[in-house]
Amino acid sequence: MRRVRTHTNPLKRFSIEVPDWPNVFEDPKLPFALEFGSSKGEFLIRHAELFPKMNIL
């Protein structure tokens, strides 16, 4: 029987500092929306213009 290789995480060597979210947004008490996209950010910019009372990342 073949030996199973132990899984290693290639991203483990990179540490990511978590942002201090209350200081990132002008008003952290506003609703928050997270956009995952793969384009030029046009949807995100338009959405931010339409909903100025929302924190969008």
N, C-alpha and C. Protein backbone atom coordinates (compact mmCIF):
# COMPACT_ATOMS: atom_id res chain seq x y z
N MET A 1 0.85 -1.18 0.00
CA MET A 1 0.00 0.00 0.00
C MET A 1 0.90 1.25 0.00
N ARG A 2 0.45 2.28 -0.78
CA ARG A 2 1.22 3.53 -0.86
C ARG A 2 1.09 4.35 0.40
N ARG A 3 2.16 5.05 0.70
CA ARG A 3 2.14 5.95 1.85
C ARG A 3 1.43 7.25 1.46
N VAL A 4 0.59 7.75 2.33
CA VAL A 4 -0.14 9.00 2.08
C VAL A 4 0.73 10.16 2.57
N ARG A 5 0.92 11.14 1.67
CA ARG A 5 1.72 12.31 2.04
C ARG A 5 0.98 13.19 3.03
N THR A 6 1.69 13.74 3.97
CA THR A 6 1.11 14.68 4.92
C THR A 6 0.83 16.00 4.21
N HIS A 7 -0.33 16.54 4.44
CA HIS A 7 -0.71 17.82 3.83
C HIS A 7 0.07 18.96 4.47
N THR A 8 0.58 19.85 3.67
CA THR A 8 1.23 21.05 4.17
C THR A 8 0.55 22.26 3.55
N ASN A 9 0.46 23.31 4.32
CA ASN A 9 -0.17 24.54 3.86
C ASN A 9 0.91 25.46 3.29
N PRO A 10 0.93 25.72 1.98
CA PRO A 10 1.96 26.57 1.40
C PRO A 10 1.84 28.04 1.82
N LEU A 11 0.70 28.43 2.34
CA LEU A 11 0.51 29.83 2.76
C LEU A 11 0.87 30.06 4.22
N LYS A 12 1.22 29.01 4.93
CA LYS A 12 1.48 29.13 6.36
C LYS A 12 2.65 30.08 6.65
N ARG A 13 3.61 30.15 5.76
CA ARG A 13 4.79 30.98 6.01
C ARG A 13 4.50 32.48 5.88
N PHE A 14 3.35 32.83 5.32
CA PHE A 14 2.98 34.23 5.17
C PHE A 14 2.03 34.63 6.29
N SER A 15 2.39 35.63 7.04
CA SER A 15 1.49 36.11 8.08
C SER A 15 0.70 37.31 7.55
N ILE A 16 -0.56 37.33 7.86
CA ILE A 16 -1.44 38.41 7.41
C ILE A 16 -1.93 39.16 8.64
N GLU A 17 -1.68 40.44 8.66
CA GLU A 17 -2.13 41.26 9.78
C GLU A 17 -3.60 41.63 9.56
N VAL A 18 -4.41 41.34 10.54
CA VAL A 18 -5.84 41.64 10.45
C VAL A 18 -6.04 43.14 10.66
N PRO A 19 -6.76 43.81 9.75
CA PRO A 19 -6.98 45.25 9.90
C PRO A 19 -7.81 45.58 11.14
N ASP A 20 -7.62 46.76 11.64
CA ASP A 20 -8.42 47.27 12.76
C ASP A 20 -9.67 47.89 12.14
N TRP A 21 -10.71 47.06 11.93
CA TRP A 21 -11.88 47.46 11.16
C TRP A 21 -12.56 48.74 11.65
N PRO A 22 -12.69 49.00 12.94
CA PRO A 22 -13.32 50.27 13.35
C PRO A 22 -12.57 51.51 12.85
N ASN A 23 -11.27 51.38 12.59
CA ASN A 23 -10.50 52.52 12.08
C ASN A 23 -10.42 52.54 10.56
N VAL A 24 -10.82 51.48 9.90
CA VAL A 24 -10.77 51.44 8.43
C VAL A 24 -11.90 52.26 7.82
N PHE A 25 -13.07 52.16 8.41
CA PHE A 25 -14.25 52.84 7.87
C PHE A 25 -14.56 54.11 8.66
N GLU A 26 -15.07 55.10 7.95
CA GLU A 26 -15.41 56.38 8.56
C GLU A 26 -16.44 56.21 9.67
N ASP A 27 -17.47 55.40 9.41
CA ASP A 27 -18.50 55.12 10.42
C ASP A 27 -18.68 53.60 10.52
N PRO A 28 -17.99 52.95 11.46
CA PRO A 28 -18.05 51.49 11.56
C PRO A 28 -19.40 50.94 12.00
N LYS A 29 -20.33 51.81 12.40
CA LYS A 29 -21.65 51.36 12.84
C LYS A 29 -22.61 51.14 11.67
N LEU A 30 -22.23 51.60 10.48
CA LEU A 30 -23.07 51.40 9.29
C LEU A 30 -23.05 49.92 8.90
N PRO A 31 -24.08 49.47 8.16
CA PRO A 31 -24.08 48.09 7.67
C PRO A 31 -22.84 47.82 6.82
N PHE A 32 -22.44 46.58 6.79
CA PHE A 32 -21.21 46.18 6.12
C PHE A 32 -21.52 45.20 4.99
N ALA A 33 -20.91 45.40 3.84
CA ALA A 33 -21.07 44.48 2.71
C ALA A 33 -19.69 44.10 2.20
N LEU A 34 -19.51 42.83 1.93
CA LEU A 34 -18.25 42.32 1.41
C LEU A 34 -18.49 41.82 -0.01
N GLU A 35 -17.74 42.36 -0.96
CA GLU A 35 -17.92 42.01 -2.37
C GLU A 35 -16.73 41.18 -2.84
N PHE A 36 -17.02 40.01 -3.38
CA PHE A 36 -16.00 39.18 -4.02
C PHE A 36 -16.22 39.30 -5.51
N GLY A 37 -15.24 39.81 -6.21
CA GLY A 37 -15.41 39.99 -7.64
C GLY A 37 -14.13 39.67 -8.39
N SER A 38 -14.26 39.52 -9.68
CA SER A 38 -13.09 39.20 -10.49
C SER A 38 -12.98 40.14 -11.69
N SER A 39 -13.48 41.33 -11.54
CA SER A 39 -13.45 42.27 -12.64
C SER A 39 -12.66 43.51 -12.23
N LYS A 40 -13.02 44.64 -12.76
CA LYS A 40 -12.29 45.88 -12.52
C LYS A 40 -12.85 46.68 -11.35
N GLY A 41 -13.83 46.14 -10.64
CA GLY A 41 -14.41 46.84 -9.51
C GLY A 41 -15.52 47.79 -9.89
N GLU A 42 -16.00 47.71 -11.12
CA GLU A 42 -17.05 48.62 -11.57
C GLU A 42 -18.35 48.43 -10.77
N PHE A 43 -18.71 47.18 -10.51
CA PHE A 43 -19.92 46.91 -9.73
C PHE A 43 -19.77 47.50 -8.33
N LEU A 44 -18.61 47.31 -7.73
CA LEU A 44 -18.36 47.79 -6.38
C LEU A 44 -18.44 49.31 -6.30
N ILE A 45 -17.87 49.99 -7.27
CA ILE A 45 -17.91 51.46 -7.29
C ILE A 45 -19.35 51.94 -7.46
N ARG A 46 -20.08 51.34 -8.36
CA ARG A 46 -21.49 51.73 -8.58
C ARG A 46 -22.33 51.45 -7.34
N HIS A 47 -22.10 50.33 -6.72
CA HIS A 47 -22.83 49.96 -5.50
C HIS A 47 -22.55 50.96 -4.38
N ALA A 48 -21.30 51.37 -4.25
CA ALA A 48 -20.92 52.35 -3.22
C ALA A 48 -21.59 53.70 -3.49
N GLU A 49 -21.72 54.06 -4.76
CA GLU A 49 -22.40 55.32 -5.10
C GLU A 49 -23.89 55.25 -4.78
N LEU A 50 -24.50 54.10 -5.03
CA LEU A 50 -25.93 53.94 -4.78
C LEU A 50 -26.27 53.81 -3.29
N PHE A 51 -25.34 53.31 -2.51
CA PHE A 51 -25.58 53.06 -1.09
C PHE A 51 -24.49 53.72 -0.24
N PRO A 52 -24.53 55.06 -0.12
CA PRO A 52 -23.48 55.75 0.64
C PRO A 52 -23.54 55.47 2.15
N LYS A 53 -24.65 54.95 2.63
CA LYS A 53 -24.78 54.66 4.06
C LYS A 53 -24.46 53.19 4.35
N MET A 54 -23.45 52.68 3.64
CA MET A 54 -23.04 51.29 3.83
C MET A 54 -21.52 51.22 3.71
N ASN A 55 -20.90 50.45 4.58
CA ASN A 55 -19.47 50.19 4.48
C ASN A 55 -19.28 49.02 3.52
N ILE A 56 -18.52 49.26 2.46
CA ILE A 56 -18.33 48.24 1.43
C ILE A 56 -16.85 47.94 1.28
N LEU A 57 -16.55 46.67 1.29
CA LEU A 57 -15.18 46.21 1.11
C LEU A 57 -15.15 45.22 -0.01
